Amino acid sequence: MKIATFTLCAALVFGSSGCGFFDRDEQPPDINFAPYGQGYGEKPDFAQLEYQLPLLPEDRYKITPQNLSLLDQEQVDQIYARLSAGPIPDGAFDGDLFFPHGGSGNLRLSEIAGGGLRGLLVNVGGQKLDAVGETLWKGKVFYRGERLLRNRIEDLSTLKRLGVVEEDANRPLQTIQVNGKEQWLLFPAKLYCGQSLLDGRRESIIIDYAFTDELPGYRRMPDMLAGRDGFAIRDEIRMVYPGFYLGRAYMDRSFVVNFVLYNQEIAERIRDAFMERGEIQEDCWTGTQQVARAPAGQ
C-alpha cells in the first residue's frame, strides 16, 4: 500500500507507510460487525454495537497489525469503539500506519493545514517526501512513569540534509538501542487519559504534542512541527490485546490516519493469561458500559 505524498511531520510522527515493518495478511479478521451505510444516520450506535457484538479475547487475537488494513474505515472504527484503553504502555513499541481498504492512500494534509505556517510546512524545503516514512520512523518509546513519549527516528542524516535538525554540540540528541540499532529520540509528547474524539463513552490514552516545547529534551527543529505552532498533532490509542494498540491520529482535531503499535515481547508473554481470564490493568476511565472480557457464564 503506497502513500503518494508524505509531509515530513506525517512521516515522522504519524508513522511509516506500511511497506517496511509489517507484511500484509491476505484475509481480514473473522469478526462480526454491525450493519452500516455511508450516511451518518446509517452508522450503528456504539453502545448497542458493544452490547450485541462484544469483542471477546478470542476475537481480539483474530486482529493483527497486518490485517486491519483489509477493513474499511467504518469497520476499523467499530473495532476501536469496542476496546478500552488498557494500561499506559511502557518501553519501545514498533509502529506502522495504515489506510483502510477502499481509502485514498494519501495523507491530504494540505487540505487540512490550510495557509500560514502549517501550509508552508506541508512541503518542507520545497520537497515532497514520498518515502521518508518508510525509512525514518520506527515507532515510539513510552516513559510511563514520566507520562512522556518520544518517537524513534533511525535515519538522522536525511533530516539533516533537509535542514530541519538544530545542531547543538552542548546538547546532543538522545538515542536508544533497539534490536542492536541506534535510533534518535525526537518529537516528545505528553501522555494522559482523555476523552476519545471518536467514542466519548470511555477514555483513551492520549499522545499530545500541543505543548511539546515544554517537555524535557525539546529541540525547536524538528520537534515544533508536531506542536501547536506546527501541525497540532494529537493521537489516541486503545488496547486490542496486551502489547498491541490501535491508534487514531488527528491534526487540528481532524482525523488523518490510523496506526498500530506493537511490542512482540509483551504480546507473547501475556497472551495465555489474557486469553484465559481476559483481565488487564486499566489506567483510564472505562465508562459505565463494561468491556466484555469472557463469554457469559465464565
Protein backbone atom coordinates (compact mmCIF):
# COMPACT_ATOMS: atom_id res chain seq x y z
CA MET A 1 0.00 0.00 0.00
CA LYS A 2 1.81 3.09 -1.29
CA ILE A 3 1.34 6.56 0.18
CA ALA A 4 1.57 9.01 -2.67
CA THR A 5 2.58 12.11 -0.70
CA PHE A 6 4.11 12.44 2.77
CA THR A 7 4.95 15.55 4.66
CA LEU A 8 7.88 15.45 6.98
CA CYS A 9 5.71 15.71 10.06
CA ALA A 10 3.39 12.92 8.97
CA ALA A 11 6.26 10.64 8.13
CA LEU A 12 7.98 11.11 11.46
CA VAL A 13 5.12 11.47 13.92
CA PHE A 14 2.20 9.59 12.36
CA GLY A 15 4.37 6.70 11.26
CA SER A 16 5.64 4.71 8.30
CA SER A 17 3.77 3.89 5.12
CA GLY A 18 3.32 0.26 5.96
CA CYS A 19 5.69 -1.02 3.28
CA GLY A 20 8.54 -2.00 5.53
CA PHE A 21 7.70 -3.19 9.02
CA PHE A 22 4.50 -5.22 8.67
CA ASP A 23 3.79 -7.56 5.79
CA ARG A 24 0.12 -7.64 4.89
CA ASP A 25 -2.09 -10.63 5.58
CA GLU A 26 -4.35 -11.85 2.79
CA GLN A 27 -7.59 -12.13 4.79
CA PRO A 28 -9.41 -9.63 7.02
CA PRO A 29 -10.11 -10.68 10.64
CA ASP A 30 -13.09 -13.03 11.03
CA ILE A 31 -15.11 -10.96 13.50
CA ASN A 32 -18.66 -9.58 13.47
CA PHE A 33 -19.63 -6.04 12.52
CA ALA A 34 -22.96 -4.25 12.77
CA PRO A 35 -24.70 -3.26 9.51
CA TYR A 36 -23.91 0.26 8.33
CA GLY A 37 -24.29 2.64 5.42
CA GLN A 38 -22.49 5.70 4.15
CA GLY A 39 -24.63 8.35 5.83
CA TYR A 40 -24.20 9.43 9.44
CA GLY A 41 -27.69 8.20 10.31
CA GLU A 42 -26.79 4.76 8.96
CA LYS A 43 -23.94 4.23 11.44
CA PRO A 44 -24.54 1.95 14.44
CA ASP A 45 -24.78 3.20 18.00
CA PHE A 46 -21.52 2.18 19.69
CA ALA A 47 -23.19 1.18 22.97
CA GLN A 48 -25.64 -1.08 21.19
CA LEU A 49 -22.86 -2.47 18.98
CA GLU A 50 -20.79 -3.43 22.00
CA TYR A 51 -23.74 -4.95 23.82
CA GLN A 52 -24.80 -7.10 20.87
CA LEU A 53 -21.36 -7.90 19.37
CA PRO A 54 -18.71 -7.71 22.13
CA LEU A 55 -15.10 -8.40 21.24
CA LEU A 56 -14.01 -11.33 23.42
CA PRO A 57 -10.32 -12.21 23.83
CA GLU A 58 -10.55 -14.90 21.13
CA ASP A 59 -11.98 -12.29 18.76
CA ARG A 60 -9.22 -9.82 19.54
CA TYR A 61 -6.50 -12.31 18.66
CA LYS A 62 -8.00 -12.62 15.20
CA ILE A 63 -6.95 -8.99 14.71
CA THR A 64 -3.34 -8.39 13.70
CA PRO A 65 -1.31 -5.28 12.88
CA GLN A 66 -1.36 -6.59 9.32
CA ASN A 67 -4.98 -7.42 8.57
CA LEU A 68 -6.54 -4.20 9.86
CA SER A 69 -5.74 -2.55 6.52
CA LEU A 70 -8.09 -5.01 4.81
CA LEU A 71 -11.08 -3.48 6.62
CA ASP A 72 -12.86 -0.29 5.63
CA GLN A 73 -12.81 2.71 7.94
CA GLU A 74 -16.22 2.01 9.47
CA GLN A 75 -15.11 -1.50 10.44
CA VAL A 76 -11.89 -0.14 11.96
CA ASP A 77 -13.98 2.38 13.92
CA GLN A 78 -16.29 -0.40 15.15
CA ILE A 79 -13.28 -2.31 16.46
CA TYR A 80 -11.87 0.78 18.18
CA ALA A 81 -15.21 1.53 19.85
CA ARG A 82 -15.31 -1.95 21.41
CA LEU A 83 -11.89 -1.55 23.03
CA SER A 84 -10.78 0.08 26.26
CA ALA A 85 -7.56 1.97 26.82
CA GLY A 86 -5.81 -0.75 28.83
CA PRO A 87 -2.56 0.13 30.58
CA ILE A 88 -0.50 3.12 29.52
CA PRO A 89 2.39 1.42 27.67
CA ASP A 90 5.97 1.40 28.86
CA GLY A 91 9.05 0.94 26.71
CA ALA A 92 9.66 0.69 22.96
CA PHE A 93 6.86 -0.18 20.53
CA ASP A 94 7.22 -0.73 16.80
CA GLY A 95 4.83 1.30 14.69
CA ASP A 96 3.00 1.32 11.39
CA LEU A 97 0.22 3.40 9.93
CA PHE A 98 -2.41 2.13 7.55
CA PHE A 99 -5.14 3.33 5.27
CA PRO A 100 -8.28 1.21 5.33
CA HIS A 101 -9.48 -0.85 2.40
CA GLY A 102 -11.00 1.45 -0.18
CA GLY A 103 -9.21 4.51 1.22
CA SER A 104 -7.39 7.00 -0.95
CA GLY A 105 -3.93 6.02 0.27
CA ASN A 106 -2.99 9.68 0.64
CA LEU A 107 -2.42 11.97 3.57
CA ARG A 108 -4.11 15.05 2.09
CA LEU A 109 -2.53 17.24 4.73
CA SER A 110 -2.51 20.37 2.58
CA GLU A 111 -6.32 20.40 2.70
CA ILE A 112 -6.27 20.28 6.50
CA ALA A 113 -3.26 22.53 7.04
CA GLY A 114 -4.57 25.47 5.04
CA GLY A 115 -2.39 28.52 4.76
CA GLY A 116 0.10 30.17 7.06
CA LEU A 117 2.86 28.28 8.81
CA ARG A 118 1.07 24.92 8.69
CA GLY A 119 0.60 25.27 4.95
CA LEU A 120 4.26 26.06 4.44
CA LEU A 121 5.27 23.01 6.45
CA VAL A 122 3.46 20.70 4.04
CA ASN A 123 6.44 20.98 1.70
CA VAL A 124 9.48 21.33 3.94
CA GLY A 125 12.23 22.92 1.89
CA GLY A 126 10.01 22.63 -1.18
CA GLN A 127 10.37 18.85 -1.19
CA LYS A 128 7.71 16.18 -1.38
CA LEU A 129 8.85 13.30 0.82
CA ASP A 130 7.31 10.20 -0.76
CA ALA A 131 9.44 7.61 1.01
CA VAL A 132 10.51 9.31 4.23
CA GLY A 133 8.04 7.38 6.34
CA GLU A 134 9.31 4.05 5.05
CA THR A 135 12.85 4.66 6.19
CA LEU A 136 12.90 7.07 9.14
CA TRP A 137 10.10 6.43 11.65
CA LYS A 138 10.39 3.14 13.53
CA GLY A 139 7.91 3.55 16.36
CA LYS A 140 7.55 5.17 19.76
CA VAL A 141 9.08 4.89 23.21
CA PHE A 142 6.74 5.27 26.19
CA TYR A 143 8.05 6.53 29.54
CA ARG A 144 5.10 5.50 31.63
CA GLY A 145 6.41 6.83 34.93
CA GLU A 146 7.06 10.26 33.45
CA ARG A 147 3.86 10.29 31.34
CA LEU A 148 6.10 11.12 28.40
CA LEU A 149 6.60 9.71 24.89
CA ARG A 150 9.24 10.11 22.21
CA ASN A 151 9.39 8.97 18.59
CA ARG A 152 12.13 6.68 17.27
CA ILE A 153 13.95 8.01 14.19
CA GLU A 154 16.51 5.75 12.53
CA ASP A 155 17.95 7.91 9.73
CA LEU A 156 19.02 11.26 11.12
CA SER A 157 21.15 12.10 8.07
CA THR A 158 18.06 12.63 5.91
CA LEU A 159 16.67 15.15 8.37
CA LYS A 160 20.00 16.98 8.44
CA ARG A 161 20.11 17.17 4.65
CA LEU A 162 16.69 18.79 4.75
CA GLY A 163 17.97 21.34 7.23
CA VAL A 164 15.35 20.64 9.90
CA VAL A 165 17.61 19.49 12.74
CA GLU A 166 19.17 22.10 15.00
CA GLU A 167 22.80 21.34 15.79
CA ASP A 168 23.89 21.91 19.38
CA ALA A 169 27.25 20.49 20.46
CA ASN A 170 26.42 21.13 24.12
CA ARG A 171 23.10 19.31 23.93
CA PRO A 172 23.39 16.12 21.88
CA LEU A 173 20.28 14.32 20.71
CA GLN A 174 19.07 11.45 22.87
CA THR A 175 19.35 7.96 21.44
CA ILE A 176 18.11 4.44 22.17
CA GLN A 177 19.30 0.98 21.13
CA VAL A 178 16.53 -1.21 19.69
CA ASN A 179 17.42 -4.63 18.25
CA GLY A 180 21.04 -3.60 18.03
CA LYS A 181 20.33 -0.41 16.07
CA GLU A 182 20.82 3.13 17.27
CA GLN A 183 17.78 5.35 16.92
CA TRP A 184 17.29 9.01 17.73
CA LEU A 185 14.51 10.18 20.04
CA LEU A 186 12.59 13.18 18.74
CA PHE A 187 9.12 14.71 18.99
CA PRO A 188 8.33 14.44 22.72
CA ALA A 189 4.66 14.28 23.70
CA LYS A 190 2.58 14.21 26.86
CA LEU A 191 0.79 11.00 27.87
CA TYR A 192 -2.52 11.08 29.73
CA CYS A 193 -6.01 9.62 29.79
CA GLY A 194 -8.64 11.67 28.00
CA GLN A 195 -11.86 11.58 26.06
CA SER A 196 -11.78 9.90 22.68
CA LEU A 197 -12.68 12.10 19.72
CA LEU A 198 -14.44 9.10 18.16
CA ASP A 199 -16.13 7.44 21.13
CA GLY A 200 -16.82 9.51 24.22
CA ARG A 201 -18.27 6.63 26.26
CA ARG A 202 -14.86 5.86 27.76
CA GLU A 203 -11.37 7.30 27.79
CA SER A 204 -8.44 6.57 25.51
CA ILE A 205 -4.71 7.03 26.07
CA ILE A 206 -3.84 10.42 24.61
CA ILE A 207 -0.49 11.25 22.98
CA ASP A 208 -0.49 15.05 22.91
CA TYR A 209 2.13 17.12 21.05
CA ALA A 210 0.47 20.50 21.65
CA PHE A 211 2.92 21.55 24.38
CA THR A 212 5.93 19.60 23.16
CA ASP A 213 8.06 22.75 23.70
CA GLU A 214 7.54 22.41 27.47
CA LEU A 215 8.88 18.84 27.67
CA PRO A 216 12.39 17.62 28.55
CA GLY A 217 14.66 17.19 25.56
CA TYR A 218 12.66 19.51 23.28
CA ARG A 219 14.56 20.84 20.29
CA ARG A 220 12.83 23.53 18.27
CA MET A 221 13.57 21.86 14.95
CA PRO A 222 12.18 19.42 14.11
CA ASP A 223 10.07 18.99 17.27
CA MET A 224 7.97 22.13 16.73
CA LEU A 225 6.49 20.60 13.56
CA ALA A 226 4.25 18.40 15.71
CA GLY A 227 3.30 21.07 18.25
CA ARG A 228 0.71 23.85 18.47
CA ASP A 229 2.82 26.08 16.21
CA GLY A 230 3.09 23.27 13.66
CA PHE A 231 0.55 20.59 12.82
CA ALA A 232 -1.04 20.42 16.31
CA ILE A 233 -0.99 16.63 16.35
CA ARG A 234 -2.96 14.59 18.87
CA ASP A 235 -3.03 10.79 18.86
CA GLU A 236 -5.26 8.46 20.83
CA ILE A 237 -4.82 4.71 21.34
CA ARG A 238 -6.74 1.76 22.80
CA MET A 239 -5.52 -1.76 23.52
CA VAL A 240 -6.50 -4.63 21.23
CA TYR A 241 -4.65 -7.08 23.45
CA PRO A 242 -1.54 -6.75 25.64
CA GLY A 243 1.35 -5.47 23.54
CA PHE A 244 -0.89 -4.33 20.66
CA TYR A 245 -2.62 -0.94 20.41
CA LEU A 246 -4.85 0.57 17.74
CA GLY A 247 -4.49 4.31 17.27
CA ARG A 248 -6.02 7.31 15.55
CA ALA A 249 -4.01 10.40 14.58
CA TYR A 250 -5.58 13.86 14.44
CA MET A 251 -4.32 17.18 13.16
CA ASP A 252 -6.16 20.23 14.50
CA ARG A 253 -8.81 17.75 15.72
CA SER A 254 -9.33 16.47 12.17
CA PHE A 255 -8.88 12.72 11.80
CA VAL A 256 -5.97 11.93 9.48
CA VAL A 257 -4.90 8.28 9.65
CA ASN A 258 -4.99 5.02 11.64
CA PHE A 259 -1.87 3.46 13.14
CA VAL A 260 -0.80 0.46 15.19
CA LEU A 261 1.82 -0.01 17.91
CA TYR A 262 3.21 -3.44 18.73
CA ASN A 263 5.62 -4.92 21.27
CA GLN A 264 6.22 -8.58 20.48
CA GLU A 265 7.76 -9.47 23.83
CA ILE A 266 4.74 -8.21 25.76
CA ALA A 267 2.30 -9.76 23.30
CA GLU A 268 3.84 -13.22 23.65
CA ARG A 269 4.41 -13.07 27.41
CA ILE A 270 0.85 -12.14 28.42
CA ARG A 271 -1.13 -13.89 25.69
CA ASP A 272 -2.08 -17.05 27.61
CA ALA A 273 -3.20 -15.21 30.74
CA PHE A 274 -5.27 -12.72 28.76
CA MET A 275 -6.89 -15.45 26.66
CA GLU A 276 -7.83 -17.40 29.78
CA ARG A 277 -9.16 -14.61 32.00
CA GLY A 278 -9.50 -11.55 29.78
CA GLU A 279 -8.25 -9.41 32.65
CA ILE A 280 -5.98 -6.45 32.15
CA GLN A 281 -4.92 -3.38 34.09
CA GLU A 282 -6.96 -0.31 33.20
CA ASP A 283 -5.30 3.06 33.73
CA CYS A 284 -8.08 5.14 32.21
CA TRP A 285 -11.80 5.52 32.90
CA THR A 286 -13.64 2.61 31.28
CA GLY A 287 -17.07 4.23 31.29
CA THR A 288 -20.32 2.83 32.57
CA GLN A 289 -20.59 0.10 29.92
CA GLN A 290 -18.21 -2.69 30.89
CA VAL A 291 -15.95 -4.14 28.22
CA ALA A 292 -16.59 -7.87 27.64
CA ARG A 293 -13.72 -9.94 28.99
CA ALA A 294 -15.04 -13.54 28.80
CA PRO A 295 -18.04 -15.47 27.44
CA ALA A 296 -21.20 -15.29 29.53
CA GLY A 297 -21.16 -17.73 32.43
CA GLN A 298 -17.37 -17.87 32.82
